[in-house]
Amino acid sequence: MVRTEDPDSTLPPAPWALDRAASDLYDEVDPKVVAAHARELERAAGEIEDERHDEFDDPDEGGEA
């Protein structure tokens, strides 16, 4: 669900996220909706990166102790 009232909406999304959002929402004409989807993509990418970093730091997963 795209929420245009997101408090992060004052920050411009990264170009890669805008490109991906425009591709995902190819029939969307409202730039605010595309930008909101781009911010969601950025958050999701950040969460994946955080999880991957945590995995490498977790001794149970073979990471650092």
PDB file of N, CA and C in Angstrom:
ATOM      1  N   MET A   1       0.843  -1.182   0.000  1.00  0.00           N
ATOM      2  CA  MET A   1       0.000   0.000   0.000  1.00  0.00           C
ATOM      3  C   MET A   1       0.880   1.233   0.000  1.00  0.00           C
ATOM      4  N   VAL A   2       0.653   2.117  -0.914  1.00  0.00           N
ATOM      5  CA  VAL A   2       1.417   3.348  -1.015  1.00  0.00           C
ATOM      6  C   VAL A   2       0.731   4.426  -0.197  1.00  0.00           C
ATOM      7  N   ARG A   3       1.492   5.044   0.703  1.00  0.00           N
ATOM      8  CA  ARG A   3       0.952   6.121   1.533  1.00  0.00           C
ATOM      9  C   ARG A   3       1.699   7.401   1.214  1.00  0.00           C
ATOM     10  N   THR A   4       1.004   8.355   0.619  1.00  0.00           N
ATOM     11  CA  THR A   4       1.663   9.608   0.241  1.00  0.00           C
ATOM     12  C   THR A   4       1.860  10.527   1.432  1.00  0.00           C
ATOM     13  N   GLU A   5       1.217  10.250   2.570  1.00  0.00           N
ATOM     14  CA  GLU A   5       1.352  11.100   3.751  1.00  0.00           C
ATOM     15  C   GLU A   5       2.516  10.694   4.643  1.00  0.00           C
ATOM     16  N   ASP A   6       3.370   9.818   4.172  1.00  0.00           N
ATOM     17  CA  ASP A   6       4.525   9.347   4.924  1.00  0.00           C
ATOM     18  C   ASP A   6       5.395  10.536   5.336  1.00  0.00           C
ATOM     19  N   PRO A   7       5.854  10.583   6.601  1.00  0.00           N
ATOM     20  CA  PRO A   7       6.689  11.707   7.043  1.00  0.00           C
ATOM     21  C   PRO A   7       8.011  11.821   6.283  1.00  0.00           C
ATOM     22  N   ASP A   8       8.500  10.717   5.712  1.00  0.00           N
ATOM     23  CA  ASP A   8       9.735  10.774   4.937  1.00  0.00           C
ATOM     24  C   ASP A   8       9.513  11.366   3.551  1.00  0.00           C
ATOM     25  N   SER A   9       8.279  11.731   3.238  1.00  0.00           N
ATOM     26  CA  SER A   9       7.962  12.183   1.895  1.00  0.00           C
ATOM     27  C   SER A   9       8.617  13.514   1.541  1.00  0.00           C
ATOM     28  N   THR A  10       9.242  14.179   2.500  1.00  0.00           N
ATOM     29  CA  THR A  10       9.938  15.421   2.194  1.00  0.00           C
ATOM     30  C   THR A  10      11.309  15.159   1.578  1.00  0.00           C
ATOM     31  N   LEU A  11      11.842  13.948   1.763  1.00  0.00           N
ATOM     32  CA  LEU A  11      13.135  13.596   1.183  1.00  0.00           C
ATOM     33  C   LEU A  11      12.923  13.028  -0.217  1.00  0.00           C
ATOM     34  N   PRO A  12      13.716  13.469  -1.183  1.00  0.00           N
ATOM     35  CA  PRO A  12      13.557  12.901  -2.532  1.00  0.00           C
ATOM     36  C   PRO A  12      14.093  11.472  -2.575  1.00  0.00           C
ATOM     37  N   PRO A  13      13.376  10.582  -3.237  1.00  0.00           N
ATOM     38  CA  PRO A  13      13.852   9.197  -3.356  1.00  0.00           C
ATOM     39  C   PRO A  13      15.094   9.119  -4.238  1.00  0.00           C
ATOM     40  N   ALA A  14      15.844   8.066  -4.055  1.00  0.00           N
ATOM     41  CA  ALA A  14      17.047   7.829  -4.865  1.00  0.00           C
ATOM     42  C   ALA A  14      16.637   7.575  -6.315  1.00  0.00           C
ATOM     43  N   PRO A  15      17.489   7.966  -7.258  1.00  0.00           N
ATOM     44  CA  PRO A  15      17.164   7.751  -8.678  1.00  0.00           C
ATOM     45  C   PRO A  15      16.873   6.298  -9.026  1.00  0.00           C
ATOM     46  N   TRP A  16      17.626   5.349  -8.451  1.00  0.00           N
ATOM     47  CA  TRP A  16      17.368   3.939  -8.758  1.00  0.00           C
ATOM     48  C   TRP A  16      15.978   3.531  -8.301  1.00  0.00           C
ATOM     49  N   ALA A  17      15.548   4.072  -7.145  1.00  0.00           N
ATOM     50  CA  ALA A  17      14.232   3.728  -6.617  1.00  0.00           C
ATOM     51  C   ALA A  17      13.120   4.344  -7.470  1.00  0.00           C
ATOM     52  N   LEU A  18      13.338   5.563  -7.934  1.00  0.00           N
ATOM     53  CA  LEU A  18      12.353   6.192  -8.813  1.00  0.00           C
ATOM     54  C   LEU A  18      12.217   5.425 -10.124  1.00  0.00           C
ATOM     55  N   ASP A  19      13.335   5.000 -10.674  1.00  0.00           N
ATOM     56  CA  ASP A  19      13.296   4.221 -11.919  1.00  0.00           C
ATOM     57  C   ASP A  19      12.521   2.922 -11.719  1.00  0.00           C
ATOM     58  N   ARG A  20      12.816   2.239 -10.624  1.00  0.00           N
ATOM     59  CA  ARG A  20      12.135   0.965 -10.340  1.00  0.00           C
ATOM     60  C   ARG A  20      10.652   1.190 -10.086  1.00  0.00           C
ATOM     61  N   ALA A  21      10.311   2.251  -9.333  1.00  0.00           N
ATOM     62  CA  ALA A  21       8.911   2.548  -9.036  1.00  0.00           C
ATOM     63  C   ALA A  21       8.151   2.893 -10.315  1.00  0.00           C
ATOM     64  N   ALA A  22       8.774   3.665 -11.189  1.00  0.00           N
ATOM     65  CA  ALA A  22       8.129   4.012 -12.453  1.00  0.00           C
ATOM     66  C   ALA A  22       7.904   2.763 -13.290  1.00  0.00           C
ATOM     67  N   SER A  23       8.837   1.839 -13.224  1.00  0.00           N
ATOM     68  CA  SER A  23       8.690   0.577 -13.950  1.00  0.00           C
ATOM     69  C   SER A  23       7.588  -0.279 -13.327  1.00  0.00           C
ATOM     70  N   ASP A  24       7.571  -0.356 -12.000  1.00  0.00           N
ATOM     71  CA  ASP A  24       6.554  -1.143 -11.301  1.00  0.00           C
ATOM     72  C   ASP A  24       5.155  -0.586 -11.530  1.00  0.00           C
ATOM     73  N   LEU A  25       5.057   0.734 -11.519  1.00  0.00           N
ATOM     74  CA  LEU A  25       3.761   1.412 -11.648  1.00  0.00           C
ATOM     75  C   LEU A  25       3.660   2.098 -13.005  1.00  0.00           C
ATOM     76  N   TYR A  26       3.931   1.352 -14.064  1.00  0.00           N
ATOM     77  CA  TYR A  26       4.014   1.935 -15.410  1.00  0.00           C
ATOM     78  C   TYR A  26       2.758   2.678 -15.847  1.00  0.00           C
ATOM     79  N   ASP A  27       1.597   2.342 -15.290  1.00  0.00           N
ATOM     80  CA  ASP A  27       0.361   3.018 -15.694  1.00  0.00           C
ATOM     81  C   ASP A  27      -0.068   4.120 -14.725  1.00  0.00           C
ATOM     82  N   GLU A  28       0.754   4.396 -13.718  1.00  0.00           N
ATOM     83  CA  GLU A  28       0.436   5.438 -12.734  1.00  0.00           C
ATOM     84  C   GLU A  28       0.878   6.797 -13.259  1.00  0.00           C
ATOM     85  N   VAL A  29      -0.024   7.789 -13.176  1.00  0.00           N
ATOM     86  CA  VAL A  29       0.295   9.122 -13.684  1.00  0.00           C
ATOM     87  C   VAL A  29       0.600  10.118 -12.568  1.00  0.00           C
ATOM     88  N   ASP A  30       0.286   9.780 -11.328  1.00  0.00           N
ATOM     89  CA  ASP A  30       0.519  10.693 -10.203  1.00  0.00           C
ATOM     90  C   ASP A  30       1.956  10.537  -9.705  1.00  0.00           C
ATOM     91  N   PRO A  31       2.787  11.570  -9.862  1.00  0.00           N
ATOM     92  CA  PRO A  31       4.193  11.451  -9.428  1.00  0.00           C
ATOM     93  C   PRO A  31       4.340  11.256  -7.920  1.00  0.00           C
ATOM     94  N   LYS A  32       3.367  11.708  -7.136  1.00  0.00           N
ATOM     95  CA  LYS A  32       3.446  11.507  -5.683  1.00  0.00           C
ATOM     96  C   LYS A  32       3.310  10.030  -5.336  1.00  0.00           C
ATOM     97  N   VAL A  33       2.483   9.324  -6.062  1.00  0.00           N
ATOM     98  CA  VAL A  33       2.304   7.889  -5.823  1.00  0.00           C
ATOM     99  C   VAL A  33       3.578   7.135  -6.214  1.00  0.00           C
ATOM    100  N   VAL A  34       4.165   7.519  -7.343  1.00  0.00           N
ATOM    101  CA  VAL A  34       5.407   6.883  -7.786  1.00  0.00           C
ATOM    102  C   VAL A  34       6.522   7.156  -6.772  1.00  0.00           C
ATOM    103  N   ALA A  35       6.619   8.394  -6.293  1.00  0.00           N
ATOM    104  CA  ALA A  35       7.652   8.737  -5.308  1.00  0.00           C
ATOM    105  C   ALA A  35       7.435   7.979  -4.001  1.00  0.00           C
ATOM    106  N   ALA A  36       6.191   7.832  -3.573  1.00  0.00           N
ATOM    107  CA  ALA A  36       5.913   7.089  -2.343  1.00  0.00           C
ATOM    108  C   ALA A  36       6.316   5.618  -2.501  1.00  0.00           C
ATOM    109  N   HIS A  37       6.041   5.039  -3.656  1.00  0.00           N
ATOM    110  CA  HIS A  37       6.452   3.647  -3.905  1.00  0.00           C
ATOM    111  C   HIS A  37       7.984   3.545  -3.921  1.00  0.00           C
ATOM    112  N   ALA A  38       8.638   4.554  -4.489  1.00  0.00           N
ATOM    113  CA  ALA A  38      10.104   4.563  -4.509  1.00  0.00           C
ATOM    114  C   ALA A  38      10.662   4.584  -3.091  1.00  0.00           C
ATOM    115  N   ARG A  39      10.038   5.349  -2.198  1.00  0.00           N
ATOM    116  CA  ARG A  39      10.502   5.378  -0.810  1.00  0.00           C
ATOM    117  C   ARG A  39      10.301   4.020  -0.141  1.00  0.00           C
ATOM    118  N   GLU A  40       9.197   3.344  -0.471  1.00  0.00           N
ATOM    119  CA  GLU A  40       8.983   1.997   0.071  1.00  0.00           C
ATOM    120  C   GLU A  40      10.064   1.038  -0.414  1.00  0.00           C
ATOM    121  N   LEU A  41      10.449   1.166  -1.673  1.00  0.00           N
ATOM    122  CA  LEU A  41      11.518   0.324  -2.217  1.00  0.00           C
ATOM    123  C   LEU A  41      12.834   0.600  -1.495  1.00  0.00           C
ATOM    124  N   GLU A  42      13.107   1.875  -1.218  1.00  0.00           N
ATOM    125  CA  GLU A  42      14.334   2.228  -0.490  1.00  0.00           C
ATOM    126  C   GLU A  42      14.330   1.622   0.912  1.00  0.00           C
ATOM    127  N   ARG A  43      13.200   1.718   1.603  1.00  0.00           N
ATOM    128  CA  ARG A  43      13.110   1.142   2.957  1.00  0.00           C
ATOM    129  C   ARG A  43      13.310  -0.365   2.914  1.00  0.00           C
ATOM    130  N   ALA A  44      12.674  -1.023   1.959  1.00  0.00           N
ATOM    131  CA  ALA A  44      12.809  -2.473   1.845  1.00  0.00           C
ATOM    132  C   ALA A  44      14.258  -2.867   1.562  1.00  0.00           C
ATOM    133  N   ALA A  45      14.916  -2.121   0.689  1.00  0.00           N
ATOM    134  CA  ALA A  45      16.322  -2.407   0.381  1.00  0.00           C
ATOM    135  C   ALA A  45      17.186  -2.199   1.619  1.00  0.00           C
ATOM    136  N   GLY A  46      16.893  -1.170   2.388  1.00  0.00           N
ATOM    137  CA  GLY A  46      17.639  -0.914   3.617  1.00  0.00           C
ATOM    138  C   GLY A  46      17.455  -2.019   4.639  1.00  0.00           C
ATOM    139  N   GLU A  47      16.223  -2.532   4.750  1.00  0.00           N
ATOM    140  CA  GLU A  47      15.952  -3.623   5.682  1.00  0.00           C
ATOM    141  C   GLU A  47      16.697  -4.887   5.268  1.00  0.00           C
ATOM    142  N   ILE A  48      16.730  -5.167   3.980  1.00  0.00           N
ATOM    143  CA  ILE A  48      17.442  -6.351   3.495  1.00  0.00           C
ATOM    144  C   ILE A  48      18.932  -6.218   3.789  1.00  0.00           C
ATOM    145  N   GLU A  49      19.469  -5.034   3.554  1.00  0.00           N
ATOM    146  CA  GLU A  49      20.898  -4.802   3.816  1.00  0.00           C
ATOM    147  C   GLU A  49      21.197  -4.954   5.307  1.00  0.00           C
ATOM    148  N   ASP A  50      20.312  -4.431   6.164  1.00  0.00           N
ATOM    149  CA  ASP A  50      20.505  -4.570   7.615  1.00  0.00           C
ATOM    150  C   ASP A  50      20.473  -6.028   8.038  1.00  0.00           C
ATOM    151  N   GLU A  51      19.532  -6.797   7.482  1.00  0.00           N
ATOM    152  CA  GLU A  51      19.441  -8.209   7.825  1.00  0.00           C
ATOM    153  C   GLU A  51      20.680  -8.961   7.357  1.00  0.00           C
ATOM    154  N   ARG A  52      21.144  -8.627   6.172  1.00  0.00           N
ATOM    155  CA  ARG A  52      22.328  -9.305   5.652  1.00  0.00           C
ATOM    156  C   ARG A  52      23.537  -8.980   6.515  1.00  0.00           C
ATOM    157  N   HIS A  53      23.659  -7.729   6.946  1.00  0.00           N
ATOM    158  CA  HIS A  53      24.765  -7.334   7.814  1.00  0.00           C
ATOM    159  C   HIS A  53      24.668  -8.071   9.147  1.00  0.00           C
ATOM    160  N   ASP A  54      23.460  -8.166   9.709  1.00  0.00           N
ATOM    161  CA  ASP A  54      23.280  -8.861  10.979  1.00  0.00           C
ATOM    162  C   ASP A  54      23.650 -10.335  10.859  1.00  0.00           C
ATOM    163  N   GLU A  55      23.329 -10.929   9.718  1.00  0.00           N
ATOM    164  CA  GLU A  55      23.644 -12.343   9.502  1.00  0.00           C
ATOM    165  C   GLU A  55      25.144 -12.589   9.579  1.00  0.00           C
ATOM    166  N   PHE A  56      25.938 -11.680   9.008  1.00  0.00           N
ATOM    167  CA  PHE A  56      27.385 -11.855   9.003  1.00  0.00           C
ATOM    168  C   PHE A  56      27.994 -11.585  10.369  1.00  0.00           C
ATOM    169  N   ASP A  57      27.300 -10.846  11.217  1.00  0.00           N
ATOM    170  CA  ASP A  57      27.793 -10.573  12.559  1.00  0.00           C
ATOM    171  C   ASP A  57      27.324 -11.602  13.575  1.00  0.00           C
ATOM    172  N   ASP A  58      26.424 -12.492  13.190  1.00  0.00           N
ATOM    173  CA  ASP A  58      25.853 -13.467  14.104  1.00  0.00           C
ATOM    174  C   ASP A  58      26.752 -14.704  14.171  1.00  0.00           C
ATOM    175  N   PRO A  59      27.338 -15.002  15.344  1.00  0.00           N
ATOM    176  CA  PRO A  59      28.209 -16.175  15.485  1.00  0.00           C
ATOM    177  C   PRO A  59      27.504 -17.482  15.136  1.00  0.00           C
ATOM    178  N   ASP A  60      26.200 -17.550  15.366  1.00  0.00           N
ATOM    179  CA  ASP A  60      25.451 -18.768  15.048  1.00  0.00           C
ATOM    180  C   ASP A  60      25.355 -18.986  13.545  1.00  0.00           C
ATOM    181  N   GLU A  61      25.543 -17.941  12.770  1.00  0.00           N
ATOM    182  CA  GLU A  61      25.478 -18.027  11.314  1.00  0.00           C
ATOM    183  C   GLU A  61      26.881 -18.074  10.694  1.00  0.00           C
ATOM    184  N   GLY A  62      27.899 -18.276  11.528  1.00  0.00           N
ATOM    185  CA  GLY A  62      29.270 -18.352  11.024  1.00  0.00           C
ATOM    186  C   GLY A  62      29.953 -17.005  10.925  1.00  0.00           C
ATOM    187  N   GLY A  63      29.349 -15.976  11.512  1.00  0.00           N
ATOM    188  CA  GLY A  63      29.928 -14.633  11.463  1.00  0.00           C
ATOM    189  C   GLY A  63      30.859 -14.382  12.617  1.00  0.00           C
ATOM    190  N   GLU A  64      31.140 -13.108  12.816  1.00  0.00           N
ATOM    191  CA  GLU A  64      32.061 -12.705  13.874  1.00  0.00           C
ATOM    192  C   GLU A  64      31.460 -13.008  15.252  1.00  0.00           C
ATOM    193  N   ALA A  65      32.336 -13.253  16.206  1.00  0.00           N
ATOM    194  CA  ALA A  65      31.874 -13.528  17.578  1.00  0.00           C
ATOM    195  C   ALA A  65      31.834 -12.251  18.381  1.00  0.00           C
TER     196      ALA A  65
END
